[in-house]
Amino acid sequence: MFTSLLDARRLAGDPGLAERLRADDIYVGEVVVMGLVKGTVSDRGNATIEPDSVAQKFWTLFTQRDIVSVEAR
């Protein structure tokens, strides 16, 4: 488990890691959620990000596999 969001960003957002593992046919990518997602525990009526938007970003990473990082807004 990551000890902090910063640790997760440093590992997943490292383009060098993605490049090194690509040779072994391992894909590394990240979805950075830039706010609160509607309908989650953290949503107190002020969330602005639709869950489908986040899901679409993950689907894009899964199907394209040429992008290392995308943002859900």
C-alpha atoms as a PDB file:
ATOM      1  CA  MET A   1       0.000   0.000   0.000  1.00  0.00           C
ATOM      2  CA  PHE A   2       1.225   3.474  -0.788  1.00  0.00           C
ATOM      3  CA  THR A   3       2.018   5.609   2.231  1.00  0.00           C
ATOM      4  CA  SER A   4       0.807   8.765   0.538  1.00  0.00           C
ATOM      5  CA  LEU A   5      -0.682  10.145  -2.626  1.00  0.00           C
ATOM      6  CA  LEU A   6       2.735  11.628  -3.387  1.00  0.00           C
ATOM      7  CA  ASP A   7       4.295   8.141  -3.306  1.00  0.00           C
ATOM      8  CA  ALA A   8       1.626   6.845  -5.682  1.00  0.00           C
ATOM      9  CA  ARG A   9       2.146   9.766  -8.088  1.00  0.00           C
ATOM     10  CA  ARG A  10       5.904   9.356  -7.997  1.00  0.00           C
ATOM     11  CA  LEU A  11       5.672   5.652  -8.880  1.00  0.00           C
ATOM     12  CA  ALA A  12       2.799   5.646 -11.378  1.00  0.00           C
ATOM     13  CA  GLY A  13       3.670   9.004 -12.933  1.00  0.00           C
ATOM     14  CA  ASP A  14       7.287   8.059 -13.579  1.00  0.00           C
ATOM     15  CA  PRO A  15       7.537   7.919 -17.385  1.00  0.00           C
ATOM     16  CA  GLY A  16      10.824   6.077 -16.986  1.00  0.00           C
ATOM     17  CA  LEU A  17       9.012   3.254 -15.191  1.00  0.00           C
ATOM     18  CA  ALA A  18       6.495   2.991 -18.028  1.00  0.00           C
ATOM     19  CA  GLU A  19       9.310   2.889 -20.585  1.00  0.00           C
ATOM     20  CA  ARG A  20      11.333   0.295 -18.684  1.00  0.00           C
ATOM     21  CA  LEU A  21       8.368  -2.043 -18.259  1.00  0.00           C
ATOM     22  CA  ARG A  22       7.050  -1.586 -21.807  1.00  0.00           C
ATOM     23  CA  ALA A  23       9.902  -3.818 -23.029  1.00  0.00           C
ATOM     24  CA  ASP A  24       8.396  -6.616 -20.904  1.00  0.00           C
ATOM     25  CA  ASP A  25       4.912  -5.907 -22.319  1.00  0.00           C
ATOM     26  CA  ILE A  26       3.777  -4.413 -19.005  1.00  0.00           C
ATOM     27  CA  TYR A  27       1.684  -1.262 -19.208  1.00  0.00           C
ATOM     28  CA  VAL A  28       1.893   1.462 -16.548  1.00  0.00           C
ATOM     29  CA  GLY A  29      -0.589   4.313 -16.520  1.00  0.00           C
ATOM     30  CA  GLU A  30      -2.450   6.566 -14.126  1.00  0.00           C
ATOM     31  CA  VAL A  31      -5.712   8.444 -13.887  1.00  0.00           C
ATOM     32  CA  VAL A  32      -5.406  11.595 -11.800  1.00  0.00           C
ATOM     33  CA  VAL A  33      -8.803  12.603 -10.412  1.00  0.00           C
ATOM     34  CA  MET A  34      -8.764  16.384 -10.061  1.00  0.00           C
ATOM     35  CA  GLY A  35     -11.529  16.818  -7.498  1.00  0.00           C
ATOM     36  CA  LEU A  36     -14.397  15.004  -5.845  1.00  0.00           C
ATOM     37  CA  VAL A  37     -16.404  12.339  -7.641  1.00  0.00           C
ATOM     38  CA  LYS A  38     -20.196  12.558  -7.405  1.00  0.00           C
ATOM     39  CA  GLY A  39     -21.859   9.853  -5.316  1.00  0.00           C
ATOM     40  CA  THR A  40     -18.742   8.892  -3.355  1.00  0.00           C
ATOM     41  CA  VAL A  41     -18.310   8.963   0.412  1.00  0.00           C
ATOM     42  CA  SER A  42     -16.439  12.278   0.143  1.00  0.00           C
ATOM     43  CA  ASP A  43     -19.250  13.949  -1.820  1.00  0.00           C
ATOM     44  CA  ARG A  44     -21.148  16.351   0.418  1.00  0.00           C
ATOM     45  CA  GLY A  45     -23.101  17.860  -2.451  1.00  0.00           C
ATOM     46  CA  ASN A  46     -20.201  19.773  -3.943  1.00  0.00           C
ATOM     47  CA  ALA A  47     -18.549  17.106  -6.113  1.00  0.00           C
ATOM     48  CA  THR A  48     -18.146  18.074  -9.752  1.00  0.00           C
ATOM     49  CA  ILE A  49     -16.738  14.965 -11.441  1.00  0.00           C
ATOM     50  CA  GLU A  50     -19.086  12.358 -12.900  1.00  0.00           C
ATOM     51  CA  PRO A  51     -18.156   8.726 -12.137  1.00  0.00           C
ATOM     52  CA  ASP A  52     -18.611   7.875 -15.832  1.00  0.00           C
ATOM     53  CA  SER A  53     -15.935  10.435 -16.681  1.00  0.00           C
ATOM     54  CA  VAL A  54     -13.427   8.674 -14.429  1.00  0.00           C
ATOM     55  CA  ALA A  55     -14.420   5.285 -15.845  1.00  0.00           C
ATOM     56  CA  GLN A  56     -13.941   6.588 -19.389  1.00  0.00           C
ATOM     57  CA  LYS A  57     -10.399   7.724 -18.539  1.00  0.00           C
ATOM     58  CA  PHE A  58      -9.538   4.254 -17.231  1.00  0.00           C
ATOM     59  CA  TRP A  59     -11.063   2.708 -20.355  1.00  0.00           C
ATOM     60  CA  THR A  60      -8.969   5.034 -22.539  1.00  0.00           C
ATOM     61  CA  LEU A  61      -5.785   3.941 -20.760  1.00  0.00           C
ATOM     62  CA  PHE A  62      -6.765   0.278 -21.033  1.00  0.00           C
ATOM     63  CA  THR A  63      -7.607   0.376 -24.730  1.00  0.00           C
ATOM     64  CA  GLN A  64      -4.957   2.769 -26.049  1.00  0.00           C
ATOM     65  CA  ARG A  65      -1.965   1.931 -23.835  1.00  0.00           C
ATOM     66  CA  ASP A  66       0.118   4.723 -25.351  1.00  0.00           C
ATOM     67  CA  ILE A  67      -0.752   7.343 -22.731  1.00  0.00           C
ATOM     68  CA  VAL A  68       0.999   7.304 -19.357  1.00  0.00           C
ATOM     69  CA  SER A  69      -1.193   9.822 -17.509  1.00  0.00           C
ATOM     70  CA  VAL A  70      -4.653  11.354 -17.952  1.00  0.00           C
ATOM     71  CA  GLU A  71      -6.704  13.688 -15.786  1.00  0.00           C
ATOM     72  CA  ALA A  72     -10.374  13.308 -14.902  1.00  0.00           C
ATOM     73  CA  ARG A  73     -11.993  16.705 -14.332  1.00  0.00           C
END
